[in-house]
Protein backbone atom coordinates (compact mmCIF):
# COMPACT_ATOMS: atom_id res chain seq x y z
CA MET A 1 0.01 0.00 0.00
CA PHE A 2 2.75 2.43 0.94
CA ALA A 3 4.74 1.51 -2.15
CA SER A 4 1.78 2.55 -4.38
CA LEU A 5 1.78 5.88 -2.58
CA GLN A 6 5.55 6.11 -2.99
CA VAL A 7 6.06 6.51 0.76
CA ALA A 8 9.13 4.97 2.34
CA VAL A 9 8.31 2.79 5.37
CA PRO A 10 11.23 2.17 7.77
CA PRO A 11 11.71 -1.43 8.97
CA LEU A 12 10.19 -2.34 12.32
CA PRO A 13 12.63 -2.46 15.24
CA THR A 14 13.50 -5.95 16.46
CA ALA A 15 15.61 -5.04 19.47
CA GLY A 16 12.91 -5.86 22.00
CA VAL A 17 11.95 -9.21 20.45
CA PRO A 18 13.94 -12.16 21.81
CA ALA A 19 15.14 -14.75 19.31
CA SER A 20 13.52 -17.46 21.48
CA LEU A 21 12.54 -17.88 25.04
CA PRO A 22 14.87 -20.02 27.20
CA SER A 23 14.04 -23.69 27.50
CA LEU A 24 11.56 -24.60 30.20
CA THR A 25 13.01 -25.95 33.44
CA PRO A 26 10.99 -26.88 36.47
CA GLY A 27 10.87 -24.20 39.12
CA PRO A 28 11.14 -24.71 42.87
CA ALA A 29 8.10 -26.51 44.33
CA GLY A 30 5.17 -24.15 44.52
CA ALA A 31 6.97 -21.35 42.66
CA PRO A 32 5.74 -20.24 39.28
CA ASN A 33 7.99 -21.16 36.36
CA GLU A 34 9.18 -17.86 34.92
CA GLN A 35 9.92 -19.28 31.44
CA LEU A 36 6.43 -20.87 31.26
CA MET A 37 4.89 -17.60 32.37
CA ARG A 38 6.74 -15.82 29.58
CA ALA A 39 5.60 -18.45 27.10
CA VAL A 40 1.98 -18.01 28.22
CA ALA A 41 2.25 -14.22 27.82
CA ALA A 42 3.77 -14.71 24.36
CA GLY A 43 0.99 -17.20 23.53
CA THR A 44 -1.62 -14.65 24.60
CA SER A 45 0.01 -12.09 22.28
CA LEU A 46 0.01 -14.59 19.39
CA ILE A 47 -3.67 -15.48 19.90
CA GLY A 48 -4.45 -11.75 20.03
CA ALA A 49 -2.56 -11.26 16.78
CA TYR A 50 -4.64 -13.90 15.05
CA ARG A 51 -7.87 -12.35 16.29
CA THR A 52 -6.77 -8.81 15.31
CA HIS A 53 -4.68 -9.37 12.17
CA GLY A 54 -5.59 -12.84 10.90
CA HIS A 55 -7.81 -11.32 8.21
CA LEU A 56 -4.60 -9.95 6.59
CA ALA A 57 -3.48 -13.51 5.89
CA ALA A 58 -6.92 -14.80 4.85
CA HIS A 59 -7.13 -16.34 1.37
CA LEU A 60 -9.94 -14.22 0.00
CA ASP A 61 -8.86 -13.64 -3.64
CA PRO A 62 -10.80 -15.99 -5.99
CA LEU A 63 -7.86 -15.65 -8.46
CA GLY A 64 -5.44 -17.04 -5.91
CA SER A 65 -3.09 -14.18 -5.17
CA GLU A 66 -1.28 -14.49 -1.89
CA PRO A 67 -2.53 -12.29 0.96
CA PRO A 68 -0.12 -9.76 2.45
CA GLY A 69 -0.14 -11.44 5.86
CA ASP A 70 1.30 -9.95 8.99
CA PRO A 71 4.59 -10.76 10.80
CA SER A 72 2.82 -10.83 14.17
CA LEU A 73 1.10 -14.09 13.10
CA GLU A 74 4.41 -15.95 13.29
CA PRO A 75 5.22 -17.58 16.66
CA THR A 76 8.88 -16.52 16.30
CA SER A 77 7.73 -12.85 16.37
CA VAL A 78 7.03 -13.34 20.07
CA GLY A 79 9.87 -15.70 20.79
CA LEU A 80 7.94 -18.98 20.63
CA ASN A 81 8.93 -22.31 19.15
CA GLN A 82 7.18 -25.71 18.91
CA THR A 83 8.69 -26.95 22.22
CA LEU A 84 7.46 -23.90 24.12
CA MET A 85 4.04 -23.94 22.49
CA ALA A 86 3.65 -27.58 23.45
CA GLN A 87 4.02 -26.52 27.10
CA VAL A 88 1.34 -23.80 27.08
CA PRO A 89 -2.13 -25.06 27.99
CA ALA A 90 -4.75 -23.88 25.49
CA GLU A 91 -7.42 -23.37 28.10
CA ILE A 92 -5.42 -20.59 29.79
CA LEU A 93 -5.46 -18.72 26.43
CA ARG A 94 -9.28 -18.80 26.31
CA VAL A 95 -9.61 -20.13 22.81
CA ALA A 96 -12.60 -22.16 21.58
CA VAL A 97 -10.65 -24.11 18.94
CA PRO A 98 -9.70 -27.77 19.47
CA GLY A 99 -6.40 -28.63 21.08
CA SER A 100 -5.01 -28.98 24.60
CA THR A 101 -1.84 -26.92 24.00
CA LEU A 102 -0.97 -23.85 22.03
CA ALA A 103 0.95 -26.06 19.60
CA GLU A 104 -2.23 -28.09 18.91
CA ALA A 105 -4.58 -25.06 18.88
CA LEU A 106 -2.49 -22.75 16.62
CA PRO A 107 -3.23 -24.65 13.35
CA HIS A 108 -6.92 -24.36 14.13
CA MET A 109 -6.56 -20.65 14.83
CA ARG A 110 -4.70 -20.30 11.53
CA HIS A 111 -7.45 -22.17 9.68
CA THR A 112 -10.18 -20.17 11.38
CA TYR A 113 -8.74 -16.65 11.01
CA CYS A 114 -6.61 -17.06 7.89
CA GLY A 115 -8.77 -19.41 5.80
CA THR A 116 -11.25 -18.46 3.12
CA ILE A 117 -13.41 -16.43 5.50
CA ALA A 118 -12.04 -13.35 7.29
CA TYR A 119 -13.17 -11.94 10.62
CA GLU A 120 -12.65 -8.47 12.02
CA ILE A 121 -14.42 -8.21 15.35
CA GLU A 122 -11.83 -6.80 17.77
CA HIS A 123 -13.07 -3.22 17.18
CA ILE A 124 -16.44 -4.03 18.80
CA SER A 125 -16.65 -2.07 22.05
CA SER A 126 -18.85 -4.54 23.94
CA HIS A 127 -16.68 -7.17 25.68
CA GLU A 128 -19.71 -9.52 25.97
CA GLN A 129 -20.39 -9.27 22.25
CA ARG A 130 -16.70 -9.84 21.28
CA THR A 131 -16.46 -12.80 23.60
CA TRP A 132 -19.59 -14.38 22.18
CA LEU A 133 -18.46 -13.76 18.57
CA ARG A 134 -15.04 -15.26 19.30
CA SER A 135 -16.67 -18.34 20.75
CA GLN A 136 -18.93 -18.73 17.71
CA ILE A 137 -16.14 -18.17 15.24
CA GLU A 138 -13.52 -20.32 16.85
CA SER A 139 -15.81 -23.19 17.69
CA GLY A 140 -17.25 -23.28 14.13
CA ALA A 141 -20.81 -23.16 15.56
CA HIS A 142 -21.86 -20.68 12.92
CA LEU A 143 -20.77 -22.73 9.96
CA ALA A 144 -23.49 -24.56 8.06
CA ARG A 145 -22.97 -28.28 7.71
CA LEU A 146 -23.53 -29.30 4.14
């Protein structure tokens, strides 16, 4: 879009984004595991990115051109990898897609928000309405069975 306007866009800074979170190690008994807490926070950001920017990666063009996408939809953008995502329980992320971990739920989020239907609902000011819509969208309850 900016190229068509002949406006230069500087690259995004990457200084604050870690290459990857440290590997998970058990914490002292009863103490929260800091690495797991960081992975959960990163997972929350990743799920939020799919809900907010997933439509940018949706395959909507009937002629098949690739969508522009968004870098925030990549787990590496928040320092996650498969090992870390397999440690994050999906239920703590409040998603309605199948899967017991972030690693299992993420492909369903990708299919839901980046498939052939796009959803933009995060601008809705009512928390109750947004939550209900997310539940309907992510569970597939609104899809007609043919």
